[in-house]
Amino acid sequence: MNTRIHPVSRQVVFRDRAAGVAFLMRSTADSDERVEWQDGTAYPVIDVETSSASHPFYTGGRQVLDTAGRVDRFHRRYGAGVPRS
């Protein structure tokens, strides 16, 4: 890689405050705050609001849409003049 045009990639800890978990991975992001990881090394830490540990899509807490109920509510609101499929 050309060092003049490519950013420096380093090990960074991403900490999810909502779920209370942390992930160590490579990133070009940097931070002045450091945290000691399980291996005893201090890494830059970046706090994130959402990660795979707290996002509803990954945790199974996502809301299932009730499309049949929405269709019935539409027909009640706008009458029987709308053709049903």
PDB file of N, CA and C in Angstrom:
ATOM      1  N   MET A   1       0.837  -1.181   0.000  1.00  0.00           N
ATOM      2  CA  MET A   1       0.000   0.000   0.000  1.00  0.00           C
ATOM      3  C   MET A   1       0.883   1.246   0.000  1.00  0.00           C
ATOM      4  N   ASN A   2       0.430   2.235  -0.692  1.00  0.00           N
ATOM      5  CA  ASN A   2       1.141   3.505  -0.747  1.00  0.00           C
ATOM      6  C   ASN A   2       0.799   4.310   0.504  1.00  0.00           C
ATOM      7  N   THR A   3       1.790   4.635   1.322  1.00  0.00           N
ATOM      8  CA  THR A   3       1.539   5.308   2.594  1.00  0.00           C
ATOM      9  C   THR A   3       1.087   6.750   2.418  1.00  0.00           C
ATOM     10  N   ARG A   4       1.331   7.336   1.281  1.00  0.00           N
ATOM     11  CA  ARG A   4       0.923   8.727   1.075  1.00  0.00           C
ATOM     12  C   ARG A   4      -0.581   8.860   0.833  1.00  0.00           C
ATOM     13  N   ILE A   5      -1.194   7.850   0.237  1.00  0.00           N
ATOM     14  CA  ILE A   5      -2.610   7.978  -0.117  1.00  0.00           C
ATOM     15  C   ILE A   5      -3.538   7.086   0.699  1.00  0.00           C
ATOM     16  N   HIS A   6      -3.013   6.075   1.374  1.00  0.00           N
ATOM     17  CA  HIS A   6      -3.845   5.171   2.160  1.00  0.00           C
ATOM     18  C   HIS A   6      -3.703   5.489   3.644  1.00  0.00           C
ATOM     19  N   PRO A   7      -4.822   5.522   4.377  1.00  0.00           N
ATOM     20  CA  PRO A   7      -4.740   5.792   5.815  1.00  0.00           C
ATOM     21  C   PRO A   7      -4.124   4.616   6.574  1.00  0.00           C
ATOM     22  N   VAL A   8      -3.613   4.899   7.741  1.00  0.00           N
ATOM     23  CA  VAL A   8      -2.999   3.878   8.582  1.00  0.00           C
ATOM     24  C   VAL A   8      -4.094   3.027   9.216  1.00  0.00           C
ATOM     25  N   SER A   9      -3.950   1.713   9.091  1.00  0.00           N
ATOM     26  CA  SER A   9      -4.900   0.777   9.692  1.00  0.00           C
ATOM     27  C   SER A   9      -4.279   0.237  10.975  1.00  0.00           C
ATOM     28  N   ARG A  10      -5.068   0.215  12.052  1.00  0.00           N
ATOM     29  CA  ARG A  10      -4.553  -0.212  13.358  1.00  0.00           C
ATOM     30  C   ARG A  10      -5.641  -0.989  14.097  1.00  0.00           C
ATOM     31  N   GLN A  11      -5.250  -1.674  15.152  1.00  0.00           N
ATOM     32  CA  GLN A  11      -6.204  -2.353  16.011  1.00  0.00           C
ATOM     33  C   GLN A  11      -6.930  -1.303  16.851  1.00  0.00           C
ATOM     34  N   VAL A  12      -8.263  -1.378  16.883  1.00  0.00           N
ATOM     35  CA  VAL A  12      -9.092  -0.428  17.623  1.00  0.00           C
ATOM     36  C   VAL A  12     -10.185  -1.209  18.346  1.00  0.00           C
ATOM     37  N   VAL A  13     -10.515  -0.777  19.544  1.00  0.00           N
ATOM     38  CA  VAL A  13     -11.613  -1.381  20.300  1.00  0.00           C
ATOM     39  C   VAL A  13     -12.856  -0.543  20.069  1.00  0.00           C
ATOM     40  N   PHE A  14     -13.912  -1.166  19.578  1.00  0.00           N
ATOM     41  CA  PHE A  14     -15.214  -0.517  19.443  1.00  0.00           C
ATOM     42  C   PHE A  14     -16.071  -0.995  20.606  1.00  0.00           C
ATOM     43  N   ARG A  15     -16.544  -0.049  21.414  1.00  0.00           N
ATOM     44  CA  ARG A  15     -17.299  -0.377  22.625  1.00  0.00           C
ATOM     45  C   ARG A  15     -18.749   0.046  22.444  1.00  0.00           C
ATOM     46  N   ASP A  16     -19.651  -0.917  22.560  1.00  0.00           N
ATOM     47  CA  ASP A  16     -21.083  -0.658  22.456  1.00  0.00           C
ATOM     48  C   ASP A  16     -21.600  -0.383  23.865  1.00  0.00           C
ATOM     49  N   ARG A  17     -21.951   0.846  24.136  1.00  0.00           N
ATOM     50  CA  ARG A  17     -22.406   1.233  25.475  1.00  0.00           C
ATOM     51  C   ARG A  17     -23.778   0.647  25.802  1.00  0.00           C
ATOM     52  N   ALA A  18     -24.637   0.466  24.805  1.00  0.00           N
ATOM     53  CA  ALA A  18     -25.988  -0.039  25.059  1.00  0.00           C
ATOM     54  C   ALA A  18     -25.955  -1.502  25.507  1.00  0.00           C
ATOM     55  N   ALA A  19     -25.093  -2.304  24.882  1.00  0.00           N
ATOM     56  CA  ALA A  19     -25.054  -3.732  25.199  1.00  0.00           C
ATOM     57  C   ALA A  19     -23.954  -4.075  26.190  1.00  0.00           C
ATOM     58  N   GLY A  20     -23.005  -3.169  26.400  1.00  0.00           N
ATOM     59  CA  GLY A  20     -21.922  -3.440  27.333  1.00  0.00           C
ATOM     60  C   GLY A  20     -20.897  -4.418  26.804  1.00  0.00           C
ATOM     61  N   VAL A  21     -20.704  -4.453  25.495  1.00  0.00           N
ATOM     62  CA  VAL A  21     -19.709  -5.346  24.895  1.00  0.00           C
ATOM     63  C   VAL A  21     -18.691  -4.520  24.123  1.00  0.00           C
ATOM     64  N   ALA A  22     -17.551  -5.142  23.847  1.00  0.00           N
ATOM     65  CA  ALA A  22     -16.491  -4.479  23.093  1.00  0.00           C
ATOM     66  C   ALA A  22     -15.947  -5.442  22.051  1.00  0.00           C
ATOM     67  N   PHE A  23     -15.525  -4.897  20.910  1.00  0.00           N
ATOM     68  CA  PHE A  23     -14.976  -5.677  19.810  1.00  0.00           C
ATOM     69  C   PHE A  23     -13.612  -5.113  19.453  1.00  0.00           C
ATOM     70  N   LEU A  24     -12.630  -5.960  19.266  1.00  0.00           N
ATOM     71  CA  LEU A  24     -11.306  -5.553  18.821  1.00  0.00           C
ATOM     72  C   LEU A  24     -11.190  -5.897  17.347  1.00  0.00           C
ATOM     73  N   MET A  25     -10.943  -4.873  16.519  1.00  0.00           N
ATOM     74  CA  MET A  25     -10.813  -5.106  15.078  1.00  0.00           C
ATOM     75  C   MET A  25      -9.940  -4.027  14.467  1.00  0.00           C
ATOM     76  N   ARG A  26      -9.575  -4.215  13.232  1.00  0.00           N
ATOM     77  CA  ARG A  26      -8.746  -3.248  12.529  1.00  0.00           C
ATOM     78  C   ARG A  26      -9.627  -2.132  11.986  1.00  0.00           C
ATOM     79  N   SER A  27      -9.092  -0.904  12.059  1.00  0.00           N
ATOM     80  CA  SER A  27      -9.823   0.254  11.568  1.00  0.00           C
ATOM     81  C   SER A  27      -8.837   1.381  11.294  1.00  0.00           C
ATOM     82  N   THR A  28      -9.267   2.334  10.479  1.00  0.00           N
ATOM     83  CA  THR A  28      -8.472   3.530  10.251  1.00  0.00           C
ATOM     84  C   THR A  28      -8.839   4.624  11.241  1.00  0.00           C
ATOM     85  N   ALA A  29      -9.887   4.417  12.018  1.00  0.00           N
ATOM     86  CA  ALA A  29     -10.306   5.399  13.017  1.00  0.00           C
ATOM     87  C   ALA A  29      -9.306   5.407  14.172  1.00  0.00           C
ATOM     88  N   ASP A  30      -9.160   6.569  14.801  1.00  0.00           N
ATOM     89  CA  ASP A  30      -8.252   6.697  15.928  1.00  0.00           C
ATOM     90  C   ASP A  30      -8.934   7.495  17.028  1.00  0.00           C
ATOM     91  N   SER A  31      -8.465   7.338  18.231  1.00  0.00           N
ATOM     92  CA  SER A  31      -9.039   8.034  19.374  1.00  0.00           C
ATOM     93  C   SER A  31      -7.927   8.341  20.368  1.00  0.00           C
ATOM     94  N   ASP A  32      -8.101   9.426  21.129  1.00  0.00           N
ATOM     95  CA  ASP A  32      -7.142   9.757  22.175  1.00  0.00           C
ATOM     96  C   ASP A  32      -7.356   8.897  23.419  1.00  0.00           C
ATOM     97  N   GLU A  33      -8.571   8.413  23.592  1.00  0.00           N
ATOM     98  CA  GLU A  33      -8.888   7.572  24.749  1.00  0.00           C
ATOM     99  C   GLU A  33      -8.372   6.158  24.500  1.00  0.00           C
ATOM    100  N   ARG A  34      -7.796   5.542  25.522  1.00  0.00           N
ATOM    101  CA  ARG A  34      -7.251   4.193  25.417  1.00  0.00           C
ATOM    102  C   ARG A  34      -7.929   3.294  26.444  1.00  0.00           C
ATOM    103  N   VAL A  35      -7.972   2.011  26.134  1.00  0.00           N
ATOM    104  CA  VAL A  35      -8.520   1.014  27.058  1.00  0.00           C
ATOM    105  C   VAL A  35      -7.615  -0.208  26.988  1.00  0.00           C
ATOM    106  N   GLU A  36      -7.467  -0.862  28.127  1.00  0.00           N
ATOM    107  CA  GLU A  36      -6.644  -2.073  28.158  1.00  0.00           C
ATOM    108  C   GLU A  36      -7.496  -3.259  27.754  1.00  0.00           C
ATOM    109  N   TRP A  37      -7.023  -3.998  26.758  1.00  0.00           N
ATOM    110  CA  TRP A  37      -7.746  -5.157  26.242  1.00  0.00           C
ATOM    111  C   TRP A  37      -7.353  -6.387  27.042  1.00  0.00           C
ATOM    112  N   GLN A  38      -7.968  -7.518  26.768  1.00  0.00           N
ATOM    113  CA  GLN A  38      -7.754  -8.759  27.508  1.00  0.00           C
ATOM    114  C   GLN A  38      -6.318  -9.276  27.413  1.00  0.00           C
ATOM    115  N   ASP A  39      -5.594  -8.892  26.353  1.00  0.00           N
ATOM    116  CA  ASP A  39      -4.212  -9.345  26.194  1.00  0.00           C
ATOM    117  C   ASP A  39      -3.208  -8.447  26.927  1.00  0.00           C
ATOM    118  N   GLY A  40      -3.711  -7.408  27.622  1.00  0.00           N
ATOM    119  CA  GLY A  40      -2.856  -6.526  28.390  1.00  0.00           C
ATOM    120  C   GLY A  40      -2.335  -5.324  27.616  1.00  0.00           C
ATOM    121  N   THR A  41      -2.677  -5.206  26.352  1.00  0.00           N
ATOM    122  CA  THR A  41      -2.243  -4.094  25.516  1.00  0.00           C
ATOM    123  C   THR A  41      -3.294  -2.998  25.534  1.00  0.00           C
ATOM    124  N   ALA A  42      -2.847  -1.745  25.520  1.00  0.00           N
ATOM    125  CA  ALA A  42      -3.773  -0.605  25.480  1.00  0.00           C
ATOM    126  C   ALA A  42      -4.049  -0.243  24.029  1.00  0.00           C
ATOM    127  N   TYR A  43      -5.331  -0.184  23.674  1.00  0.00           N
ATOM    128  CA  TYR A  43      -5.752   0.143  22.313  1.00  0.00           C
ATOM    129  C   TYR A  43      -6.632   1.386  22.344  1.00  0.00           C
ATOM    130  N   PRO A  44      -6.706   2.120  21.221  1.00  0.00           N
ATOM    131  CA  PRO A  44      -7.668   3.226  21.144  1.00  0.00           C
ATOM    132  C   PRO A  44      -9.080   2.664  21.236  1.00  0.00           C
ATOM    133  N   VAL A  45      -9.974   3.398  21.880  1.00  0.00           N
ATOM    134  CA  VAL A  45     -11.352   2.930  22.036  1.00  0.00           C
ATOM    135  C   VAL A  45     -12.296   3.956  21.420  1.00  0.00           C
ATOM    136  N   ILE A  46     -13.290   3.444  20.688  1.00  0.00           N
ATOM    137  CA  ILE A  46     -14.315   4.281  20.076  1.00  0.00           C
ATOM    138  C   ILE A  46     -15.661   3.771  20.562  1.00  0.00           C
ATOM    139  N   ASP A  47     -16.438   4.663  21.170  1.00  0.00           N
ATOM    140  CA  ASP A  47     -17.770   4.302  21.656  1.00  0.00           C
ATOM    141  C   ASP A  47     -18.786   4.432  20.528  1.00  0.00           C
ATOM    142  N   VAL A  48     -19.616   3.407  20.369  1.00  0.00           N
ATOM    143  CA  VAL A  48     -20.659   3.401  19.350  1.00  0.00           C
ATOM    144  C   VAL A  48     -22.008   3.232  20.024  1.00  0.00           C
ATOM    145  N   GLU A  49     -23.052   3.727  19.373  1.00  0.00           N
ATOM    146  CA  GLU A  49     -24.401   3.623  19.927  1.00  0.00           C
ATOM    147  C   GLU A  49     -25.030   2.268  19.648  1.00  0.00           C
ATOM    148  N   THR A  50     -24.747   1.718  18.469  1.00  0.00           N
ATOM    149  CA  THR A  50     -25.372   0.468  18.055  1.00  0.00           C
ATOM    150  C   THR A  50     -24.335  -0.433  17.407  1.00  0.00           C
ATOM    151  N   SER A  51     -24.384  -1.707  17.743  1.00  0.00           N
ATOM    152  CA  SER A  51     -23.537  -2.710  17.100  1.00  0.00           C
ATOM    153  C   SER A  51     -24.389  -3.961  16.892  1.00  0.00           C
ATOM    154  N   SER A  52     -23.765  -5.014  16.430  1.00  0.00           N
ATOM    155  CA  SER A  52     -24.518  -6.251  16.227  1.00  0.00           C
ATOM    156  C   SER A  52     -25.021  -6.832  17.548  1.00  0.00           C
ATOM    157  N   ALA A  53     -24.435  -6.423  18.662  1.00  0.00           N
ATOM    158  CA  ALA A  53     -24.878  -6.931  19.964  1.00  0.00           C
ATOM    159  C   ALA A  53     -26.139  -6.239  20.459  1.00  0.00           C
ATOM    160  N   SER A  54     -26.443  -5.038  19.957  1.00  0.00           N
ATOM    161  CA  SER A  54     -27.608  -4.308  20.466  1.00  0.00           C
ATOM    162  C   SER A  54     -28.627  -3.944  19.391  1.00  0.00           C
ATOM    163  N   HIS A  55     -28.306  -4.166  18.116  1.00  0.00           N
ATOM    164  CA  HIS A  55     -29.238  -3.807  17.047  1.00  0.00           C
ATOM    165  C   HIS A  55     -30.379  -4.822  16.982  1.00  0.00           C
ATOM    166  N   PRO A  56     -31.625  -4.350  16.892  1.00  0.00           N
ATOM    167  CA  PRO A  56     -32.774  -5.275  16.893  1.00  0.00           C
ATOM    168  C   PRO A  56     -32.746  -6.306  15.766  1.00  0.00           C
ATOM    169  N   PHE A  57     -32.175  -5.983  14.621  1.00  0.00           N
ATOM    170  CA  PHE A  57     -32.130  -6.942  13.517  1.00  0.00           C
ATOM    171  C   PHE A  57     -31.297  -8.164  13.895  1.00  0.00           C
ATOM    172  N   TYR A  58     -30.184  -7.962  14.576  1.00  0.00           N
ATOM    173  CA  TYR A  58     -29.295  -9.067  14.955  1.00  0.00           C
ATOM    174  C   TYR A  58     -29.733  -9.772  16.224  1.00  0.00           C
ATOM    175  N   THR A  59     -30.404  -9.063  17.117  1.00  0.00           N
ATOM    176  CA  THR A  59     -30.805  -9.671  18.380  1.00  0.00           C
ATOM    177  C   THR A  59     -32.142 -10.385  18.304  1.00  0.00           C
ATOM    178  N   GLY A  60     -32.861 -10.246  17.181  1.00  0.00           N
ATOM    179  CA  GLY A  60     -34.147 -10.908  17.023  1.00  0.00           C
ATOM    180  C   GLY A  60     -35.297 -10.115  17.601  1.00  0.00           C
ATOM    181  N   GLY A  61     -35.062  -8.888  17.995  1.00  0.00           N
ATOM    182  CA  GLY A  61     -36.109  -8.072  18.592  1.00  0.00           C
ATOM    183  C   GLY A  61     -36.797  -7.155  17.603  1.00  0.00           C
ATOM    184  N   ARG A  62     -36.584  -7.391  16.332  1.00  0.00           N
ATOM    185  CA  ARG A  62     -37.208  -6.497  15.355  1.00  0.00           C
ATOM    186  C   ARG A  62     -38.710  -6.732  15.307  1.00  0.00           C
ATOM    187  N   GLN A  63     -39.420  -5.711  14.931  1.00  0.00           N
ATOM    188  CA  GLN A  63     -40.875  -5.754  14.924  1.00  0.00           C
ATOM    189  C   GLN A  63     -41.368  -6.393  13.631  1.00  0.00           C
ATOM    190  N   VAL A  64     -42.294  -7.316  13.739  1.00  0.00           N
ATOM    191  CA  VAL A  64     -42.892  -7.951  12.570  1.00  0.00           C
ATOM    192  C   VAL A  64     -44.110  -7.127  12.178  1.00  0.00           C
ATOM    193  N   LEU A  65     -44.174  -6.742  10.909  1.00  0.00           N
ATOM    194  CA  LEU A  65     -45.282  -5.919  10.440  1.00  0.00           C
ATOM    195  C   LEU A  65     -46.527  -6.764  10.220  1.00  0.00           C
ATOM    196  N   ASP A  66     -47.645  -6.232  10.624  1.00  0.00           N
ATOM    197  CA  ASP A  66     -48.929  -6.893  10.438  1.00  0.00           C
ATOM    198  C   ASP A  66     -49.557  -6.334   9.172  1.00  0.00           C
ATOM    199  N   THR A  67     -49.160  -6.874   8.007  1.00  0.00           N
ATOM    200  CA  THR A  67     -49.635  -6.325   6.740  1.00  0.00           C
ATOM    201  C   THR A  67     -51.111  -6.613   6.516  1.00  0.00           C
ATOM    202  N   ALA A  68     -51.599  -7.756   6.973  1.00  0.00           N
ATOM    203  CA  ALA A  68     -53.022  -8.070   6.788  1.00  0.00           C
ATOM    204  C   ALA A  68     -53.874  -7.075   7.563  1.00  0.00           C
ATOM    205  N   GLY A  69     -53.478  -6.737   8.763  1.00  0.00           N
ATOM    206  CA  GLY A  69     -54.216  -5.757   9.562  1.00  0.00           C
ATOM    207  C   GLY A  69     -54.194  -4.381   8.933  1.00  0.00           C
ATOM    208  N   ARG A  70     -53.108  -4.017   8.306  1.00  0.00           N
ATOM    209  CA  ARG A  70     -53.015  -2.724   7.631  1.00  0.00           C
ATOM    210  C   ARG A  70     -53.928  -2.663   6.412  1.00  0.00           C
ATOM    211  N   VAL A  71     -54.012  -3.764   5.681  1.00  0.00           N
ATOM    212  CA  VAL A  71     -54.887  -3.799   4.505  1.00  0.00           C
ATOM    213  C   VAL A  71     -56.342  -3.677   4.941  1.00  0.00           C
ATOM    214  N   ASP A  72     -56.739  -4.416   5.973  1.00  0.00           N
ATOM    215  CA  ASP A  72     -58.117  -4.335   6.470  1.00  0.00           C
ATOM    216  C   ASP A  72     -58.441  -2.935   6.973  1.00  0.00           C
ATOM    217  N   ARG A  73     -57.514  -2.307   7.666  1.00  0.00           N
ATOM    218  CA  ARG A  73     -57.731  -0.949   8.158  1.00  0.00           C
ATOM    219  C   ARG A  73     -57.887   0.032   6.986  1.00  0.00           C
ATOM    220  N   PHE A  74     -57.121  -0.186   5.918  1.00  0.00           N
ATOM    221  CA  PHE A  74     -57.241   0.651   4.724  1.00  0.00           C
ATOM    222  C   PHE A  74     -58.633   0.504   4.123  1.00  0.00           C
ATOM    223  N   HIS A  75     -59.122  -0.736   3.996  1.00  0.00           N
ATOM    224  CA  HIS A  75     -60.443  -0.964   3.404  1.00  0.00           C
ATOM    225  C   HIS A  75     -61.560  -0.411   4.290  1.00  0.00           C
ATOM    226  N   ARG A  76     -61.420  -0.497   5.594  1.00  0.00           N
ATOM    227  CA  ARG A  76     -62.418   0.095   6.486  1.00  0.00           C
ATOM    228  C   ARG A  76     -62.433   1.614   6.350  1.00  0.00           C
ATOM    229  N   ARG A  77     -61.267   2.198   6.226  1.00  0.00           N
ATOM    230  CA  ARG A  77     -61.165   3.655   6.171  1.00  0.00           C
ATOM    231  C   ARG A  77     -61.681   4.213   4.844  1.00  0.00           C
ATOM    232  N   TYR A  78     -61.344   3.544   3.741  1.00  0.00           N
ATOM    233  CA  TYR A  78     -61.679   4.095   2.432  1.00  0.00           C
ATOM    234  C   TYR A  78     -62.826   3.365   1.743  1.00  0.00           C
ATOM    235  N   GLY A  79     -63.441   2.425   2.412  1.00  0.00           N
ATOM    236  CA  GLY A  79     -64.657   1.816   1.901  1.00  0.00           C
ATOM    237  C   GLY A  79     -64.421   0.613   1.034  1.00  0.00           C
ATOM    238  N   ALA A  80     -65.551   0.004   0.644  1.00  0.00           N
ATOM    239  CA  ALA A  80     -65.512  -1.220  -0.149  1.00  0.00           C
ATOM    240  C   ALA A  80     -65.357  -0.929  -1.639  1.00  0.00           C
ATOM    241  N   GLY A  81     -65.314   0.341  -2.038  1.00  0.00           N
ATOM    242  CA  GLY A  81     -65.174   0.685  -3.451  1.00  0.00           C
ATOM    243  C   GLY A  81     -63.804   0.372  -4.006  1.00  0.00           C
ATOM    244  N   VAL A  82     -62.858   0.072  -3.141  1.00  0.00           N
ATOM    245  CA  VAL A  82     -61.512  -0.249  -3.597  1.00  0.00           C
ATOM    246  C   VAL A  82     -61.462  -1.728  -3.877  1.00  0.00           C
ATOM    247  N   PRO A  83     -61.071  -2.113  -5.094  1.00  0.00           N
ATOM    248  CA  PRO A  83     -61.032  -3.556  -5.423  1.00  0.00           C
ATOM    249  C   PRO A  83     -59.977  -4.275  -4.604  1.00  0.00           C
ATOM    250  N   ARG A  84     -60.341  -5.447  -4.125  1.00  0.00           N
ATOM    251  CA  ARG A  84     -59.413  -6.292  -3.379  1.00  0.00           C
ATOM    252  C   ARG A  84     -58.751  -7.276  -4.320  1.00  0.00           C
ATOM    253  N   SER A  85     -57.525  -7.606  -3.998  1.00  0.00           N
ATOM    254  CA  SER A  85     -56.838  -8.595  -4.856  1.00  0.00           C
ATOM    255  C   SER A  85     -56.817  -9.942  -4.215  1.00  0.00           C
TER     256      SER A  85
END
